[in-house]
Amino acid sequence: MEKLSKLPILVGPTGVGKSEIAFHLAQRLKAEILSADAFQVFKGLEVGTAQPSPEWQKEVRHHLVGTREPSQSWNAVEFAKEAGKIIRSKNKEGKSLVLVGGSGFYLRALVEGPPHGTAPKPEIRTWVLEKVRELGNDKAHAWLAERDPEAALRLHPNDLQRICRALEKTFPQEEPAETGYEPLGTPSVLFLGLERSRDKLDEVLKKRTLAMWKNGLLGEANHLEQLGLPGNHPIWGAIGYLEATAFQKGQLREEEALERIFRRTRQYAKRQWTWFKHQHDVQWVDLDSFSGPKAVVDFLVEKITV
């Protein structure tokens, strides 16, 4: 078994192929995979969160994939605590891990610690949520436009999660509590970024959007509606569910919903690219220059083993 020089973290824009490369890399290293995705942790949402296939999960153990109920909370600090426990446990076992994910905020919390600064007071968060649910999408967006016009311009009226977060920030804040975990530290990890041309990524995202729509996204969106989750629950931030729900309610035509999902996914991919280009010291790998996953894995193994 090859010995890893540092803990490898595969990052990059959504749809680029991180899960596939991580799977083949873990096979090669006889390692397990730790997901740093903000949404793949939830059960019953395999399609909309693009979880690795059951076949892959049977072949290689995946941590923090489909382990929490959608009704449960999940955030960067909770992720960092759980991921840290898994990493320490596997280190004791002498087992290698490959981290993979697109959530830069979660990874920063794990590696560098949570962001400093203030957080919304619990009573403010509850009050904002109740008021937003009472107002509905359009009026809640109008309320945000009154309190923070710039934020309102950035956010779609259907994006209730981010509307709630933006509104919370317009009210008095409090200092964050102690998180109770030790970040990994940048010297112990190696960020490896996967990228490909924008045109090829667009092709992948269009195909993935259509495949998700046909293969269960609508059913998962209906399931979430039946659970009665609040509008600011993190899972509503997963692209596709709001659009699928709007289609089922007759608020969007199918072609409009698909186009909106693709456009939002493309914008998210761009934000991920920007984040990882500026927030971390990442060694980038252009997937277009390789013949296939095996060639990519051969290249990565040389970088991460001693």
Protein backbone atom coordinates (compact mmCIF):
# COMPACT_ATOMS: atom_id res chain seq x y z
CA MET A 1 0.00 0.00 0.00
CA GLU A 2 1.38 3.41 -0.96
CA LYS A 3 1.96 5.79 1.94
CA LEU A 4 0.41 9.24 1.60
CA SER A 5 2.61 12.26 2.12
CA LYS A 6 -0.38 14.41 3.14
CA LEU A 7 -4.15 14.05 3.34
CA PRO A 8 -5.38 14.57 -0.27
CA ILE A 9 -8.42 16.78 -0.80
CA LEU A 10 -9.96 16.72 -4.28
CA VAL A 11 -11.77 19.96 -5.07
CA GLY A 12 -13.19 21.66 -8.13
CA PRO A 13 -16.46 22.82 -9.70
CA THR A 14 -19.60 20.72 -9.57
CA GLY A 15 -19.90 18.22 -12.42
CA VAL A 16 -16.18 18.14 -13.19
CA GLY A 17 -15.84 14.49 -12.12
CA LYS A 18 -14.54 14.65 -8.55
CA SER A 19 -16.55 11.64 -7.33
CA GLU A 20 -15.36 9.45 -10.20
CA ILE A 21 -11.70 10.34 -9.81
CA ALA A 22 -11.93 9.97 -6.02
CA PHE A 23 -13.46 6.50 -6.45
CA HIS A 24 -10.68 5.28 -8.76
CA LEU A 25 -8.00 6.93 -6.63
CA ALA A 26 -9.35 5.29 -3.47
CA GLN A 27 -9.40 1.92 -5.23
CA ARG A 28 -5.78 2.37 -6.21
CA LEU A 29 -4.72 3.43 -2.70
CA LYS A 30 -6.99 0.94 -0.91
CA ALA A 31 -8.38 4.00 0.83
CA GLU A 32 -11.81 5.18 1.97
CA ILE A 33 -13.57 8.34 0.84
CA LEU A 34 -14.72 11.20 3.06
CA SER A 35 -17.30 13.49 1.45
CA ALA A 36 -17.06 17.22 2.10
CA ASP A 37 -20.23 17.96 0.14
CA ALA A 38 -22.82 20.10 1.92
CA PHE A 39 -25.79 18.06 0.71
CA GLN A 40 -24.73 14.47 -0.02
CA VAL A 41 -24.93 13.73 3.71
CA PHE A 42 -28.75 13.60 3.56
CA LYS A 43 -30.65 10.31 3.16
CA GLY A 44 -33.18 9.76 0.40
CA LEU A 45 -31.82 12.54 -1.82
CA GLU A 46 -29.41 10.52 -3.94
CA VAL A 47 -30.37 12.08 -7.28
CA GLY A 48 -30.56 15.78 -6.48
CA THR A 49 -27.34 15.73 -4.44
CA ALA A 50 -25.46 13.57 -7.00
CA GLN A 51 -24.43 10.96 -4.45
CA PRO A 52 -21.98 8.25 -5.59
CA SER A 53 -23.76 5.19 -6.96
CA PRO A 54 -24.59 2.24 -4.65
CA GLU A 55 -22.11 0.17 -6.67
CA TRP A 56 -19.30 2.62 -5.94
CA GLN A 57 -20.24 2.81 -2.27
CA LYS A 58 -20.23 -0.98 -2.05
CA GLU A 59 -16.78 -1.13 -3.63
CA VAL A 60 -15.27 1.74 -1.61
CA ARG A 61 -16.51 2.91 1.75
CA HIS A 62 -17.85 6.48 1.64
CA HIS A 63 -18.19 8.51 4.84
CA LEU A 64 -20.81 11.26 5.37
CA VAL A 65 -22.90 10.19 2.38
CA GLY A 66 -26.57 9.49 3.09
CA THR A 67 -26.06 9.35 6.85
CA ARG A 68 -28.44 12.05 8.13
CA GLU A 69 -32.17 12.57 7.82
CA PRO A 70 -33.18 15.69 5.84
CA SER A 71 -34.89 17.03 8.96
CA GLN A 72 -31.58 17.09 10.85
CA SER A 73 -29.33 20.13 10.93
CA TRP A 74 -25.99 20.19 9.12
CA ASN A 75 -23.48 23.00 8.79
CA ALA A 76 -19.76 23.62 8.40
CA VAL A 77 -18.94 23.30 12.09
CA GLU A 78 -20.90 20.05 12.47
CA PHE A 79 -19.16 18.72 9.37
CA ALA A 80 -15.72 19.69 10.69
CA LYS A 81 -16.38 17.93 13.99
CA GLU A 82 -17.65 14.71 12.37
CA ALA A 83 -14.97 14.70 9.68
CA GLY A 84 -12.26 15.27 12.28
CA LYS A 85 -13.46 12.24 14.27
CA ILE A 86 -13.38 10.07 11.15
CA ILE A 87 -9.90 11.24 10.18
CA ARG A 88 -8.50 10.57 13.65
CA SER A 89 -10.16 7.15 13.74
CA LYS A 90 -8.75 6.13 10.37
CA ASN A 91 -5.31 7.40 11.31
CA LYS A 92 -5.34 5.09 14.33
CA GLU A 93 -6.41 2.20 12.11
CA GLY A 94 -3.64 2.99 9.64
CA LYS A 95 -6.28 3.47 6.93
CA SER A 96 -5.88 6.08 4.19
CA LEU A 97 -8.58 8.58 3.33
CA VAL A 98 -9.34 10.67 0.26
CA LEU A 99 -11.40 13.78 0.91
CA VAL A 100 -13.63 15.00 -1.90
CA GLY A 101 -16.10 17.82 -2.12
CA GLY A 102 -17.21 21.06 -3.59
CA SER A 103 -18.02 22.95 -0.41
CA GLY A 104 -15.10 25.28 0.13
CA PHE A 105 -16.69 26.70 3.28
CA TYR A 106 -16.88 23.23 4.84
CA LEU A 107 -13.30 22.44 3.90
CA ARG A 108 -12.02 25.71 5.28
CA ALA A 109 -13.78 24.99 8.58
CA LEU A 110 -12.12 21.56 8.70
CA VAL A 111 -8.63 22.70 7.75
CA GLU A 112 -8.41 26.24 9.14
CA GLY A 113 -11.25 26.41 11.68
CA PRO A 114 -14.58 28.26 11.57
CA PRO A 115 -14.72 31.87 10.39
CA HIS A 116 -14.29 34.54 13.03
CA GLY A 117 -16.90 37.18 13.58
CA THR A 118 -20.50 37.36 14.64
CA ALA A 119 -23.53 35.12 14.13
CA PRO A 120 -27.29 35.79 14.18
CA LYS A 121 -28.92 35.61 17.59
CA PRO A 122 -31.11 32.47 17.86
CA GLU A 123 -34.24 34.50 18.60
CA ILE A 124 -33.59 36.68 15.53
CA ARG A 125 -33.09 33.62 13.32
CA THR A 126 -36.36 32.09 14.53
CA TRP A 127 -38.29 35.34 14.10
CA VAL A 128 -36.94 35.95 10.58
CA LEU A 129 -37.81 32.38 9.56
CA GLU A 130 -41.37 32.64 10.86
CA LYS A 131 -41.89 36.01 9.17
CA VAL A 132 -40.48 34.78 5.84
CA ARG A 133 -42.75 31.74 5.89
CA GLU A 134 -45.70 34.01 6.63
CA LEU A 135 -44.83 36.49 3.86
CA GLY A 136 -44.07 33.99 1.10
CA ASN A 137 -41.37 34.21 -1.57
CA ASP A 138 -42.11 37.50 -3.30
CA LYS A 139 -42.94 39.53 -0.19
CA ALA A 140 -39.94 38.10 1.67
CA HIS A 141 -37.72 39.14 -1.23
CA ALA A 142 -39.30 42.62 -1.15
CA TRP A 143 -38.58 42.82 2.59
CA LEU A 144 -34.94 42.00 1.90
CA ALA A 145 -34.86 44.68 -0.81
CA GLU A 146 -35.90 47.24 1.81
CA ARG A 147 -33.24 46.18 4.31
CA ASP A 148 -30.37 45.19 1.96
CA PRO A 149 -30.97 46.19 -1.69
CA GLU A 150 -27.64 44.78 -2.90
CA ALA A 151 -28.34 41.34 -1.42
CA ALA A 152 -31.82 41.35 -2.94
CA LEU A 153 -30.35 41.97 -6.39
CA ARG A 154 -28.10 38.90 -6.01
CA LEU A 155 -30.81 36.51 -4.82
CA HIS A 156 -33.77 34.94 -6.61
CA PRO A 157 -37.18 35.24 -4.85
CA ASN A 158 -37.37 31.43 -4.65
CA ASP A 159 -34.04 31.13 -2.82
CA LEU A 160 -35.58 31.34 0.66
CA GLN A 161 -32.57 29.87 2.42
CA ARG A 162 -30.24 32.64 1.32
CA ILE A 163 -32.95 35.29 1.70
CA CYS A 164 -33.31 34.24 5.35
CA ARG A 165 -29.54 34.33 5.86
CA ALA A 166 -29.29 37.77 4.26
CA LEU A 167 -32.13 39.14 6.38
CA GLU A 168 -30.59 37.73 9.56
CA LYS A 169 -27.45 39.74 8.89
CA THR A 170 -29.43 42.99 8.89
CA PHE A 171 -30.29 42.55 12.59
CA PRO A 172 -28.11 42.57 15.76
CA GLN A 173 -25.57 39.74 15.91
CA GLU A 174 -23.77 37.87 18.68
CA GLU A 175 -20.28 36.45 19.07
CA PRO A 176 -20.03 32.77 18.07
CA ALA A 177 -19.68 30.11 20.75
CA GLU A 178 -16.66 27.84 21.06
CA THR A 179 -16.70 25.15 18.41
CA GLY A 180 -14.98 22.43 20.42
CA TYR A 181 -12.72 20.95 17.72
CA GLU A 182 -9.17 21.30 16.47
CA PRO A 183 -8.72 22.18 12.77
CA LEU A 184 -6.36 20.00 10.74
CA GLY A 185 -4.04 22.81 9.70
CA THR A 186 -2.85 23.49 6.16
CA PRO A 187 0.56 21.72 6.47
CA SER A 188 -1.18 18.34 6.86
CA VAL A 189 -3.31 18.49 3.69
CA LEU A 190 -2.81 18.72 -0.06
CA PHE A 191 -5.48 20.43 -2.15
CA LEU A 192 -5.75 18.97 -5.66
CA GLY A 193 -8.09 20.83 -8.00
CA LEU A 194 -9.81 19.13 -10.92
CA GLU A 195 -10.83 21.31 -13.85
CA ARG A 196 -11.71 21.13 -17.52
CA SER A 197 -12.67 23.63 -20.23
CA ARG A 198 -15.83 25.68 -19.64
CA ASP A 199 -17.39 24.34 -22.86
CA LYS A 200 -16.89 20.72 -21.85
CA LEU A 201 -18.12 21.40 -18.33
CA ASP A 202 -21.25 23.04 -19.75
CA GLU A 203 -21.93 19.91 -21.80
CA VAL A 204 -21.61 17.75 -18.70
CA LEU A 205 -23.88 20.00 -16.66
CA LYS A 206 -26.60 20.04 -19.31
CA LYS A 207 -26.59 16.23 -19.54
CA ARG A 208 -26.54 15.88 -15.76
CA THR A 209 -29.45 18.28 -15.35
CA LEU A 210 -31.60 16.29 -17.77
CA ALA A 211 -30.57 12.95 -16.23
CA MET A 212 -31.45 14.15 -12.71
CA TRP A 213 -34.82 15.41 -13.92
CA LYS A 214 -35.67 12.09 -15.55
CA ASN A 215 -34.24 9.83 -12.86
CA GLY A 216 -35.91 10.92 -9.64
CA LEU A 217 -35.45 14.62 -8.85
CA LEU A 218 -39.19 15.29 -8.96
CA GLY A 219 -39.90 12.48 -6.52
CA GLU A 220 -37.24 13.70 -4.12
CA ALA A 221 -38.61 17.26 -4.30
CA ASN A 222 -42.08 15.95 -3.51
CA HIS A 223 -40.62 14.02 -0.56
CA LEU A 224 -39.04 17.20 0.81
CA GLU A 225 -42.34 19.07 0.45
CA GLN A 226 -44.12 16.38 2.43
CA LEU A 227 -41.54 16.64 5.22
CA GLY A 228 -42.55 20.28 5.71
CA LEU A 229 -38.98 21.51 6.12
CA PRO A 230 -38.59 25.24 6.85
CA GLY A 231 -37.64 27.53 4.00
CA ASN A 232 -34.19 28.19 5.44
CA HIS A 233 -33.27 24.52 5.86
CA PRO A 234 -29.88 23.88 4.21
CA ILE A 235 -31.22 21.24 1.82
CA TRP A 236 -33.25 23.84 -0.09
CA GLY A 237 -29.92 25.29 -1.12
CA ALA A 238 -29.24 22.17 -3.20
CA ILE A 239 -29.86 23.23 -6.78
CA GLY A 240 -32.86 21.59 -8.42
CA TYR A 241 -35.34 21.06 -5.61
CA LEU A 242 -36.87 24.54 -5.67
CA GLU A 243 -37.22 24.38 -9.45
CA ALA A 244 -38.76 20.89 -9.35
CA THR A 245 -41.22 22.03 -6.68
CA ALA A 246 -42.16 25.10 -8.71
CA PHE A 247 -42.78 22.88 -11.75
CA GLN A 248 -44.99 20.53 -9.77
CA LYS A 249 -47.02 23.49 -8.51
CA GLY A 250 -47.48 24.80 -12.05
CA GLN A 251 -45.29 27.86 -11.44
CA LEU A 252 -42.69 26.87 -14.08
CA ARG A 253 -42.89 24.99 -17.34
CA GLU A 254 -40.58 22.00 -17.67
CA GLU A 255 -38.22 23.73 -20.08
CA GLU A 256 -38.06 26.77 -17.79
CA ALA A 257 -37.25 24.62 -14.77
CA LEU A 258 -34.52 22.73 -16.64
CA GLU A 259 -32.96 25.92 -17.94
CA ARG A 260 -33.02 27.48 -14.50
CA ILE A 261 -31.38 24.41 -12.94
CA PHE A 262 -28.64 24.42 -15.57
CA ARG A 263 -28.07 28.16 -15.24
CA ARG A 264 -27.87 28.02 -11.43
CA THR A 265 -25.55 24.99 -11.57
CA ARG A 266 -23.29 26.79 -14.03
CA GLN A 267 -23.18 29.86 -11.79
CA TYR A 268 -22.42 27.68 -8.77
CA ALA A 269 -19.57 25.97 -10.65
CA LYS A 270 -18.13 29.38 -11.46
CA ARG A 271 -18.32 30.43 -7.79
CA GLN A 272 -16.56 27.21 -6.78
CA TRP A 273 -13.81 27.83 -9.30
CA THR A 274 -13.32 31.34 -7.98
CA TRP A 275 -13.31 30.20 -4.35
CA PHE A 276 -10.70 27.51 -4.79
CA LYS A 277 -8.54 29.72 -6.97
CA HIS A 278 -8.32 32.31 -4.19
CA GLN A 279 -9.05 30.66 -0.83
CA HIS A 280 -6.66 27.71 -0.83
CA ASP A 281 -3.25 26.74 -2.18
CA VAL A 282 -4.50 24.31 -4.84
CA GLN A 283 -2.50 22.29 -7.37
CA TRP A 284 -4.71 22.21 -10.45
CA VAL A 285 -5.09 19.24 -12.79
CA ASP A 286 -6.60 19.75 -16.26
CA LEU A 287 -8.70 16.64 -16.91
CA ASP A 288 -8.93 17.47 -20.63
CA SER A 289 -5.23 16.66 -21.00
CA PHE A 290 -5.62 13.04 -19.84
CA SER A 291 -6.94 10.03 -21.74
CA GLY A 292 -9.17 8.86 -18.89
CA PRO A 293 -9.53 8.29 -15.13
CA LYS A 294 -6.64 5.80 -14.94
CA ALA A 295 -4.20 8.31 -16.38
CA VAL A 296 -5.44 10.97 -13.96
CA VAL A 297 -5.04 8.59 -11.02
CA ASP A 298 -1.51 7.65 -12.10
CA PHE A 299 -0.62 11.33 -12.13
CA LEU A 300 -2.23 12.02 -8.73
CA VAL A 301 -0.58 9.03 -7.05
CA GLU A 302 2.84 10.39 -7.95
CA LYS A 303 1.92 13.69 -6.27
CA ILE A 304 0.48 12.34 -3.03
CA THR A 305 2.60 9.33 -2.15
CA VAL A 306 6.09 9.06 -0.69
